[in-house]
Amino acid sequence: SGTPSFQDTSAVVEAFLIPGTVTVLGQDFSGLSLKDKTVTYNGEVHNVEVTGVPANATVAYTVDGEAFRGTKMAGTYEVTATVTAPGFNKWEETATLTINKKDLVLDANVPDKVYDGTATIENFADYVTLEGVVEGDNVSIDYSNLNLSYFASHAGTWTLAGNAGVRGGDLPNYN
């Protein structure tokens, strides 16, 4: 008893190329999420964020077709996020980033004054405060129109009147 063997000894006469196409479909991402974000101005950079992104994927953010890496400026931004990865179909969604202006409080706390026949407050700038400015921002009190006075010709409790404002390059981030 031996081992049977088979050998094809015929020659290849002609090779044929069989025409055709194959489409390789990408898979869809799963578990990605993009949500609107609303914050109040705090001097920090904010952006929306795609969650659930796989390690091999790339995320690009744009606003009006321009690259967007976030902003600290108050306003409303329509941010488009695009996620790509080899072997996956492109994923694209849009979310709204809203950075609300921060409230400022301009206040005058003037101490009692002994009636001296005048109706003005000396050193009024010493009694005016501005609260709510983020450290490092260019916002300050504008004293140019401030002249605290009261309407009295005798001693009593009177309401102060005066105009003051704020100024500075970062003012668009504040109410």
N, C-alpha and C. Protein backbone atom coordinates (compact mmCIF):
# COMPACT_ATOMS: atom_id res chain seq x y z
N SER A 1 0.85 -1.15 0.00
CA SER A 1 0.00 0.00 0.00
C SER A 1 0.89 1.22 0.00
N GLY A 2 0.61 2.07 -0.87
CA GLY A 2 1.39 3.29 -1.05
C GLY A 2 0.53 4.53 -0.93
N THR A 3 1.13 5.68 -1.06
CA THR A 3 0.41 6.95 -0.96
C THR A 3 0.04 7.39 -2.36
N PRO A 4 -1.25 7.59 -2.58
CA PRO A 4 -1.63 8.04 -3.93
C PRO A 4 -1.17 9.48 -4.16
N SER A 5 -0.82 9.84 -5.35
CA SER A 5 -0.45 11.20 -5.67
C SER A 5 -1.08 11.59 -6.98
N PHE A 6 -1.28 12.93 -7.12
CA PHE A 6 -1.89 13.42 -8.33
C PHE A 6 -1.12 14.65 -8.74
N GLN A 7 -0.85 14.76 -9.98
CA GLN A 7 -0.10 15.90 -10.47
C GLN A 7 -0.75 16.34 -11.76
N ASP A 8 -1.05 17.69 -11.82
CA ASP A 8 -1.64 18.24 -13.04
C ASP A 8 -0.49 18.66 -13.93
N THR A 9 -0.38 18.07 -15.04
CA THR A 9 0.72 18.36 -15.95
C THR A 9 0.24 19.14 -17.17
N SER A 10 -1.01 19.61 -17.15
CA SER A 10 -1.50 20.35 -18.31
C SER A 10 -0.93 21.76 -18.28
N ALA A 11 -0.72 22.34 -19.42
CA ALA A 11 -0.16 23.69 -19.54
C ALA A 11 -1.29 24.71 -19.55
N VAL A 12 -0.99 25.91 -19.00
CA VAL A 12 -1.95 27.00 -19.04
C VAL A 12 -1.94 27.54 -20.45
N VAL A 13 -3.08 27.52 -21.08
CA VAL A 13 -3.16 27.96 -22.46
C VAL A 13 -3.39 29.46 -22.54
N GLU A 14 -4.28 30.01 -21.69
CA GLU A 14 -4.57 31.44 -21.77
C GLU A 14 -5.10 31.89 -20.41
N ALA A 15 -4.68 33.09 -19.99
CA ALA A 15 -5.17 33.66 -18.74
C ALA A 15 -6.28 34.66 -19.08
N PHE A 16 -7.29 34.72 -18.24
CA PHE A 16 -8.40 35.65 -18.47
C PHE A 16 -8.48 36.65 -17.33
N LEU A 17 -8.70 37.93 -17.67
CA LEU A 17 -8.96 38.96 -16.68
C LEU A 17 -10.46 39.15 -16.66
N ILE A 18 -11.03 38.90 -15.52
CA ILE A 18 -12.48 39.02 -15.41
C ILE A 18 -12.78 40.43 -14.93
N PRO A 19 -13.40 41.27 -15.76
CA PRO A 19 -13.68 42.66 -15.37
C PRO A 19 -14.77 42.71 -14.30
N GLY A 20 -14.65 43.76 -13.45
CA GLY A 20 -15.67 43.94 -12.42
C GLY A 20 -15.22 45.01 -11.45
N THR A 21 -16.09 45.40 -10.60
CA THR A 21 -15.78 46.41 -9.58
C THR A 21 -16.22 45.88 -8.22
N VAL A 22 -15.57 46.41 -7.24
CA VAL A 22 -15.96 46.08 -5.87
C VAL A 22 -16.03 47.39 -5.11
N THR A 23 -17.03 47.56 -4.34
CA THR A 23 -17.19 48.76 -3.51
C THR A 23 -16.96 48.35 -2.06
N VAL A 24 -16.01 49.02 -1.45
CA VAL A 24 -15.74 48.76 -0.04
C VAL A 24 -16.43 49.85 0.75
N LEU A 25 -17.41 49.49 1.53
CA LEU A 25 -18.20 50.46 2.28
C LEU A 25 -17.55 50.73 3.63
N GLY A 26 -17.52 52.01 3.99
CA GLY A 26 -17.04 52.37 5.32
C GLY A 26 -18.13 52.07 6.33
N GLN A 27 -17.72 51.93 7.54
CA GLN A 27 -18.72 51.72 8.58
C GLN A 27 -19.07 53.05 9.23
N ASP A 28 -20.26 53.12 9.75
CA ASP A 28 -20.70 54.33 10.44
C ASP A 28 -20.16 54.34 11.86
N PHE A 29 -19.85 55.55 12.34
CA PHE A 29 -19.47 55.71 13.74
C PHE A 29 -20.68 55.40 14.61
N SER A 30 -20.44 54.89 15.78
CA SER A 30 -21.54 54.70 16.73
C SER A 30 -21.12 55.31 18.06
N GLY A 31 -22.08 55.82 18.77
CA GLY A 31 -21.82 56.36 20.10
C GLY A 31 -21.30 57.78 20.13
N LEU A 32 -21.26 58.48 18.97
CA LEU A 32 -20.81 59.87 18.96
C LEU A 32 -21.97 60.77 19.38
N SER A 33 -21.62 61.86 20.06
CA SER A 33 -22.65 62.80 20.51
C SER A 33 -22.08 64.21 20.53
N LEU A 34 -22.89 65.17 20.12
CA LEU A 34 -22.53 66.59 20.13
C LEU A 34 -23.73 67.35 20.65
N LYS A 35 -23.53 68.13 21.71
CA LYS A 35 -24.64 68.86 22.32
C LYS A 35 -24.35 70.36 22.35
N ASP A 36 -25.44 71.15 22.35
CA ASP A 36 -25.32 72.59 22.53
C ASP A 36 -24.69 72.87 23.90
N LYS A 37 -24.01 74.01 24.00
CA LYS A 37 -23.37 74.39 25.26
C LYS A 37 -23.63 75.87 25.51
N THR A 38 -24.05 76.19 26.74
CA THR A 38 -24.29 77.57 27.14
C THR A 38 -23.53 77.83 28.44
N VAL A 39 -22.71 78.88 28.44
CA VAL A 39 -21.94 79.28 29.61
C VAL A 39 -22.01 80.79 29.73
N THR A 40 -21.59 81.30 30.88
CA THR A 40 -21.45 82.74 31.08
C THR A 40 -19.98 83.07 30.96
N TYR A 41 -19.70 84.19 30.35
CA TYR A 41 -18.31 84.62 30.13
C TYR A 41 -17.53 84.55 31.44
N ASN A 42 -16.34 83.93 31.36
CA ASN A 42 -15.47 83.83 32.54
C ASN A 42 -14.00 84.01 32.18
N GLY A 43 -13.72 84.44 30.96
CA GLY A 43 -12.35 84.68 30.52
C GLY A 43 -11.65 83.44 30.01
N GLU A 44 -12.31 82.28 30.04
CA GLU A 44 -11.72 81.03 29.57
C GLU A 44 -12.24 80.68 28.18
N VAL A 45 -11.47 79.90 27.45
CA VAL A 45 -11.86 79.46 26.12
C VAL A 45 -12.89 78.33 26.25
N HIS A 46 -13.96 78.43 25.46
CA HIS A 46 -15.01 77.41 25.46
C HIS A 46 -15.24 76.90 24.04
N ASN A 47 -15.71 75.67 23.94
CA ASN A 47 -16.08 75.07 22.66
C ASN A 47 -17.08 73.96 22.96
N VAL A 48 -17.80 73.52 21.94
CA VAL A 48 -18.61 72.31 22.06
C VAL A 48 -17.65 71.13 21.92
N GLU A 49 -18.10 69.93 22.30
CA GLU A 49 -17.20 68.78 22.24
C GLU A 49 -17.94 67.53 21.81
N VAL A 50 -17.37 66.84 20.85
CA VAL A 50 -17.90 65.53 20.44
C VAL A 50 -17.44 64.52 21.48
N THR A 51 -18.38 63.74 22.01
CA THR A 51 -18.03 62.68 22.96
C THR A 51 -18.15 61.33 22.28
N GLY A 52 -17.43 60.34 22.80
CA GLY A 52 -17.48 58.99 22.27
C GLY A 52 -16.59 58.77 21.06
N VAL A 53 -15.60 59.65 20.86
CA VAL A 53 -14.73 59.56 19.69
C VAL A 53 -13.69 58.45 19.89
N PRO A 54 -13.57 57.51 18.93
CA PRO A 54 -12.56 56.46 19.06
C PRO A 54 -11.14 57.04 18.98
N ALA A 55 -10.17 56.32 19.50
CA ALA A 55 -8.79 56.79 19.60
C ALA A 55 -8.18 57.11 18.24
N ASN A 56 -8.56 56.39 17.20
CA ASN A 56 -7.94 56.61 15.89
C ASN A 56 -8.65 57.67 15.05
N ALA A 57 -9.64 58.33 15.60
CA ALA A 57 -10.42 59.31 14.84
C ALA A 57 -9.88 60.72 15.05
N THR A 58 -10.18 61.58 14.09
CA THR A 58 -9.80 62.99 14.14
C THR A 58 -11.07 63.83 14.15
N VAL A 59 -11.09 64.86 15.01
CA VAL A 59 -12.24 65.76 15.08
C VAL A 59 -11.79 67.15 14.66
N ALA A 60 -12.54 67.76 13.76
CA ALA A 60 -12.27 69.13 13.32
C ALA A 60 -13.53 69.96 13.59
N TYR A 61 -13.34 71.15 14.14
CA TYR A 61 -14.45 72.05 14.43
C TYR A 61 -14.33 73.27 13.51
N THR A 62 -15.46 73.72 12.98
CA THR A 62 -15.47 74.90 12.12
C THR A 62 -16.66 75.78 12.46
N VAL A 63 -16.49 77.08 12.19
CA VAL A 63 -17.58 78.06 12.26
C VAL A 63 -17.53 78.83 10.94
N ASP A 64 -18.63 78.83 10.23
CA ASP A 64 -18.71 79.48 8.91
C ASP A 64 -17.59 79.02 7.99
N GLY A 65 -17.25 77.73 8.05
CA GLY A 65 -16.24 77.16 7.16
C GLY A 65 -14.81 77.41 7.58
N GLU A 66 -14.59 78.14 8.65
CA GLU A 66 -13.24 78.44 9.13
C GLU A 66 -12.92 77.57 10.34
N ALA A 67 -11.67 77.13 10.45
CA ALA A 67 -11.24 76.33 11.61
C ALA A 67 -11.58 77.08 12.90
N PHE A 68 -12.04 76.32 13.89
CA PHE A 68 -12.48 76.92 15.16
C PHE A 68 -11.92 76.08 16.30
N ARG A 69 -11.14 76.74 17.16
CA ARG A 69 -10.56 76.04 18.31
C ARG A 69 -11.17 76.51 19.62
N GLY A 70 -12.32 77.16 19.51
CA GLY A 70 -12.99 77.69 20.69
C GLY A 70 -12.75 79.18 20.80
N THR A 71 -13.49 79.80 21.70
CA THR A 71 -13.37 81.23 21.91
C THR A 71 -13.71 81.57 23.34
N LYS A 72 -13.26 82.73 23.80
CA LYS A 72 -13.66 83.21 25.10
C LYS A 72 -14.59 84.41 24.96
N MET A 73 -14.84 84.85 23.74
CA MET A 73 -15.67 86.03 23.50
C MET A 73 -17.16 85.71 23.60
N ALA A 74 -17.89 86.56 24.28
CA ALA A 74 -19.34 86.38 24.39
C ALA A 74 -19.96 86.42 23.00
N GLY A 75 -20.97 85.58 22.80
CA GLY A 75 -21.66 85.53 21.52
C GLY A 75 -22.28 84.16 21.31
N THR A 76 -22.88 83.99 20.14
CA THR A 76 -23.49 82.72 19.76
C THR A 76 -22.80 82.21 18.51
N TYR A 77 -22.36 80.95 18.56
CA TYR A 77 -21.58 80.36 17.48
C TYR A 77 -22.20 79.04 17.05
N GLU A 78 -22.43 78.87 15.75
CA GLU A 78 -22.89 77.60 15.19
C GLU A 78 -21.63 76.83 14.81
N VAL A 79 -21.32 75.80 15.59
CA VAL A 79 -20.08 75.04 15.43
C VAL A 79 -20.39 73.71 14.76
N THR A 80 -19.70 73.44 13.65
CA THR A 80 -19.83 72.16 12.97
C THR A 80 -18.65 71.29 13.35
N ALA A 81 -18.94 70.08 13.81
CA ALA A 81 -17.90 69.11 14.15
C ALA A 81 -17.89 68.02 13.10
N THR A 82 -16.69 67.70 12.60
CA THR A 82 -16.53 66.66 11.60
C THR A 82 -15.57 65.62 12.16
N VAL A 83 -16.00 64.36 12.19
CA VAL A 83 -15.18 63.26 12.70
C VAL A 83 -14.84 62.34 11.54
N THR A 84 -13.54 62.04 11.40
CA THR A 84 -13.08 61.13 10.35
C THR A 84 -12.12 60.10 10.93
N ALA A 85 -12.06 58.94 10.29
CA ALA A 85 -11.13 57.87 10.66
C ALA A 85 -11.06 56.90 9.49
N PRO A 86 -9.90 56.26 9.29
CA PRO A 86 -9.79 55.27 8.21
C PRO A 86 -10.84 54.16 8.39
N GLY A 87 -11.52 53.86 7.29
CA GLY A 87 -12.52 52.79 7.30
C GLY A 87 -13.89 53.21 7.79
N PHE A 88 -14.06 54.52 8.13
CA PHE A 88 -15.35 54.99 8.63
C PHE A 88 -15.91 56.06 7.69
N ASN A 89 -17.22 56.14 7.64
CA ASN A 89 -17.88 57.22 6.93
C ASN A 89 -17.75 58.50 7.76
N LYS A 90 -17.60 59.62 7.08
CA LYS A 90 -17.48 60.91 7.76
C LYS A 90 -18.75 61.18 8.58
N TRP A 91 -18.57 61.68 9.79
CA TRP A 91 -19.69 62.04 10.67
C TRP A 91 -19.64 63.54 10.86
N GLU A 92 -20.78 64.22 10.66
CA GLU A 92 -20.80 65.67 10.77
C GLU A 92 -22.10 66.12 11.44
N GLU A 93 -21.96 66.94 12.45
CA GLU A 93 -23.11 67.50 13.17
C GLU A 93 -22.80 68.95 13.54
N THR A 94 -23.85 69.71 13.82
CA THR A 94 -23.70 71.11 14.23
C THR A 94 -24.37 71.32 15.58
N ALA A 95 -23.72 72.11 16.43
CA ALA A 95 -24.27 72.46 17.74
C ALA A 95 -24.03 73.96 17.96
N THR A 96 -24.78 74.52 18.88
CA THR A 96 -24.66 75.94 19.19
C THR A 96 -23.88 76.14 20.48
N LEU A 97 -22.85 76.98 20.39
CA LEU A 97 -22.09 77.42 21.56
C LEU A 97 -22.55 78.84 21.87
N THR A 98 -23.07 79.03 23.09
CA THR A 98 -23.51 80.36 23.52
C THR A 98 -22.70 80.76 24.73
N ILE A 99 -22.02 81.90 24.63
CA ILE A 99 -21.30 82.47 25.76
C ILE A 99 -22.03 83.77 26.11
N ASN A 100 -22.77 83.72 27.21
CA ASN A 100 -23.53 84.89 27.65
C ASN A 100 -22.61 85.92 28.28
N LYS A 101 -23.00 87.17 28.16
CA LYS A 101 -22.23 88.25 28.78
C LYS A 101 -22.34 88.15 30.29
N LYS A 102 -21.27 88.55 30.97
CA LYS A 102 -21.23 88.54 32.43
C LYS A 102 -21.75 89.89 32.94
N ASP A 103 -22.51 89.85 34.01
CA ASP A 103 -23.04 91.08 34.58
C ASP A 103 -21.97 91.82 35.37
N LEU A 104 -21.97 93.12 35.20
CA LEU A 104 -21.13 94.00 36.00
C LEU A 104 -22.01 94.78 36.96
N VAL A 105 -21.47 95.10 38.12
CA VAL A 105 -22.21 95.91 39.09
C VAL A 105 -21.36 97.14 39.39
N LEU A 106 -21.89 98.29 39.05
CA LEU A 106 -21.24 99.57 39.33
C LEU A 106 -22.05 100.20 40.46
N ASP A 107 -21.38 100.48 41.57
CA ASP A 107 -22.11 100.93 42.76
C ASP A 107 -21.38 102.09 43.41
N ALA A 108 -22.14 102.94 44.08
CA ALA A 108 -21.57 104.04 44.86
C ALA A 108 -22.03 103.89 46.30
N ASN A 109 -21.10 103.77 47.20
CA ASN A 109 -21.37 103.69 48.63
C ASN A 109 -20.68 104.86 49.31
N VAL A 110 -21.40 105.93 49.45
CA VAL A 110 -20.84 107.17 50.00
C VAL A 110 -21.14 107.24 51.49
N PRO A 111 -20.13 107.50 52.30
CA PRO A 111 -20.38 107.61 53.74
C PRO A 111 -21.17 108.87 54.06
N ASP A 112 -21.72 108.91 55.25
CA ASP A 112 -22.44 110.10 55.68
C ASP A 112 -21.53 111.31 55.61
N LYS A 113 -22.14 112.47 55.40
CA LYS A 113 -21.42 113.73 55.28
C LYS A 113 -22.03 114.71 56.26
N VAL A 114 -21.17 115.42 56.93
CA VAL A 114 -21.65 116.49 57.80
C VAL A 114 -21.99 117.67 56.90
N TYR A 115 -23.20 118.20 57.09
CA TYR A 115 -23.65 119.28 56.22
C TYR A 115 -22.71 120.47 56.34
N ASP A 116 -22.23 120.92 55.17
CA ASP A 116 -21.29 122.04 55.15
C ASP A 116 -21.72 123.13 54.18
N GLY A 117 -22.98 123.11 53.79
CA GLY A 117 -23.49 124.14 52.89
C GLY A 117 -23.27 123.80 51.42
N THR A 118 -22.60 122.67 51.11
CA THR A 118 -22.40 122.28 49.71
C THR A 118 -23.25 121.05 49.41
N ALA A 119 -23.46 120.81 48.15
CA ALA A 119 -24.27 119.66 47.74
C ALA A 119 -23.46 118.69 46.89
N THR A 120 -22.16 118.67 47.07
CA THR A 120 -21.32 117.74 46.31
C THR A 120 -20.58 116.81 47.25
N ILE A 121 -20.13 115.72 46.72
CA ILE A 121 -19.35 114.75 47.47
C ILE A 121 -17.91 114.83 46.96
N GLU A 122 -16.98 115.15 47.85
CA GLU A 122 -15.56 115.21 47.48
C GLU A 122 -15.01 113.79 47.38
N ASN A 123 -13.99 113.61 46.57
CA ASN A 123 -13.33 112.32 46.38
C ASN A 123 -14.33 111.21 46.03
N PHE A 124 -15.31 111.55 45.21
CA PHE A 124 -16.37 110.59 44.89
C PHE A 124 -15.83 109.29 44.29
N ALA A 125 -14.72 109.36 43.57
CA ALA A 125 -14.18 108.14 42.96
C ALA A 125 -13.76 107.12 44.02
N ASP A 126 -13.47 107.58 45.22
CA ASP A 126 -13.09 106.66 46.30
C ASP A 126 -14.26 105.77 46.72
N TYR A 127 -15.47 106.16 46.39
CA TYR A 127 -16.65 105.46 46.88
C TYR A 127 -17.36 104.65 45.79
N VAL A 128 -16.85 104.69 44.57
CA VAL A 128 -17.47 103.98 43.46
C VAL A 128 -16.71 102.67 43.22
N THR A 129 -17.45 101.58 43.13
CA THR A 129 -16.82 100.27 42.93
C THR A 129 -17.40 99.59 41.69
N LEU A 130 -16.60 98.73 41.12
CA LEU A 130 -17.01 97.94 39.97
C LEU A 130 -16.75 96.48 40.32
N GLU A 131 -17.80 95.68 40.30
CA GLU A 131 -17.68 94.25 40.65
C GLU A 131 -18.06 93.39 39.45
N GLY A 132 -17.42 92.24 39.34
CA GLY A 132 -17.75 91.27 38.31
C GLY A 132 -16.75 91.18 37.18
N VAL A 133 -15.69 92.00 37.21
CA VAL A 133 -14.70 91.96 36.13
C VAL A 133 -13.79 90.75 36.33
N VAL A 134 -13.61 89.97 35.27
CA VAL A 134 -12.70 88.82 35.31
C VAL A 134 -11.27 89.36 35.41
N GLU A 135 -10.50 88.75 36.30
CA GLU A 135 -9.12 89.20 36.54
C GLU A 135 -8.34 89.22 35.22
N GLY A 136 -7.68 90.34 34.99
CA GLY A 136 -6.87 90.50 33.79
C GLY A 136 -7.60 91.14 32.63
N ASP A 137 -8.92 91.30 32.71
CA ASP A 137 -9.66 91.92 31.61
C ASP A 137 -9.47 93.44 31.63
N ASN A 138 -9.54 94.01 30.44
CA ASN A 138 -9.41 95.45 30.26
C ASN A 138 -10.80 96.09 30.36
N VAL A 139 -11.26 96.29 31.60
CA VAL A 139 -12.54 96.95 31.88
C VAL A 139 -12.33 97.79 33.13
N SER A 140 -12.72 99.05 33.06
CA SER A 140 -12.54 99.92 34.22
C SER A 140 -13.67 100.95 34.28
N ILE A 141 -13.74 101.62 35.41
CA ILE A 141 -14.76 102.66 35.59
C ILE A 141 -14.38 103.88 34.78
N ASP A 142 -15.37 104.47 34.11
CA ASP A 142 -15.18 105.72 33.38
C ASP A 142 -15.73 106.84 34.26
N TYR A 143 -14.81 107.59 34.83
CA TYR A 143 -15.17 108.67 35.75
C TYR A 143 -15.44 109.99 35.02
N SER A 144 -15.30 110.02 33.70
CA SER A 144 -15.35 111.29 32.97
C SER A 144 -16.66 112.06 33.17
N ASN A 145 -17.76 111.37 33.39
CA ASN A 145 -19.04 112.06 33.59
C ASN A 145 -19.57 111.90 35.01
N LEU A 146 -18.71 111.45 35.91
CA LEU A 146 -19.16 111.20 37.27
C LEU A 146 -18.97 112.44 38.13
N ASN A 147 -20.06 112.89 38.72
CA ASN A 147 -20.03 114.00 39.66
C ASN A 147 -21.17 113.75 40.63
N LEU A 148 -20.87 113.03 41.70
CA LEU A 148 -21.92 112.70 42.66
C LEU A 148 -22.36 113.95 43.39
N SER A 149 -23.64 114.17 43.39
CA SER A 149 -24.18 115.32 44.12
C SER A 149 -25.56 114.94 44.65
N TYR A 150 -26.03 115.73 45.55
CA TYR A 150 -27.37 115.53 46.07
C TYR A 150 -28.08 116.87 46.04
N PHE A 151 -29.38 116.80 46.11
CA PHE A 151 -30.19 118.00 45.97
C PHE A 151 -30.71 118.40 47.34
N ALA A 152 -29.95 119.23 48.00
CA ALA A 152 -30.34 119.61 49.36
C ALA A 152 -29.79 120.97 49.71
N SER A 153 -30.55 121.68 50.47
CA SER A 153 -30.06 122.97 50.98
C SER A 153 -29.96 122.91 52.50
N HIS A 154 -30.17 121.72 53.06
CA HIS A 154 -30.10 121.55 54.51
C HIS A 154 -29.79 120.08 54.82
N ALA A 155 -29.56 119.79 56.06
CA ALA A 155 -29.24 118.42 56.47
C ALA A 155 -30.43 117.50 56.23
N GLY A 156 -30.18 116.22 55.96
CA GLY A 156 -31.23 115.24 55.73
C GLY A 156 -30.66 114.05 54.99
N THR A 157 -31.53 113.14 54.62
CA THR A 157 -31.12 111.97 53.83
C THR A 157 -31.58 112.21 52.41
N TRP A 158 -30.63 112.14 51.49
CA TRP A 158 -30.91 112.50 50.11
C TRP A 158 -30.41 111.41 49.18
N THR A 159 -31.04 111.32 48.04
CA THR A 159 -30.61 110.38 47.01
C THR A 159 -29.51 111.02 46.19
N LEU A 160 -28.46 110.25 45.95
CA LEU A 160 -27.36 110.75 45.13
C LEU A 160 -27.70 110.62 43.66
N ALA A 161 -27.19 111.55 42.88
CA ALA A 161 -27.34 111.48 41.43
C ALA A 161 -25.96 111.59 40.81
N GLY A 162 -25.73 110.85 39.78
CA GLY A 162 -24.45 110.92 39.09
C GLY A 162 -24.43 109.95 37.93
N ASN A 163 -23.54 110.18 37.02
CA ASN A 163 -23.39 109.31 35.86
C ASN A 163 -21.98 108.73 35.87
N ALA A 164 -21.90 107.45 35.74
CA ALA A 164 -20.62 106.77 35.60
C ALA A 164 -20.82 105.64 34.62
N GLY A 165 -19.76 105.23 34.02
CA GLY A 165 -19.85 104.13 33.07
C GLY A 165 -18.63 103.24 33.19
N VAL A 166 -18.53 102.33 32.26
CA VAL A 166 -17.36 101.47 32.20
C VAL A 166 -16.80 101.55 30.79
N ARG A 167 -15.53 101.24 30.67
CA ARG A 167 -14.87 101.27 29.37
C ARG A 167 -13.80 100.19 29.34
N GLY A 168 -13.32 99.90 28.17
CA GLY A 168 -12.22 98.95 28.02
C GLY A 168 -12.44 98.01 26.86
N GLY A 169 -11.35 97.42 26.42
CA GLY A 169 -11.37 96.54 25.26
C GLY A 169 -12.16 95.26 25.45
N ASP A 170 -12.33 94.81 26.68
CA ASP A 170 -13.06 93.56 26.92
C ASP A 170 -14.53 93.80 27.25
N LEU A 171 -14.98 95.04 27.16
CA LEU A 171 -16.37 95.38 27.50
C LEU A 171 -17.43 94.60 26.73
N PRO A 172 -17.19 94.17 25.48
CA PRO A 172 -18.22 93.39 24.77
C PRO A 172 -18.59 92.08 25.47
N ASN A 173 -17.81 91.63 26.45
CA ASN A 173 -18.12 90.40 27.17
C ASN A 173 -18.99 90.64 28.41
N TYR A 174 -19.41 91.87 28.61
CA TYR A 174 -20.12 92.22 29.85
C TYR A 174 -21.42 92.95 29.57
N ASN A 175 -22.37 92.77 30.53
CA ASN A 175 -23.60 93.58 30.56
C ASN A 175 -23.34 94.73 31.50
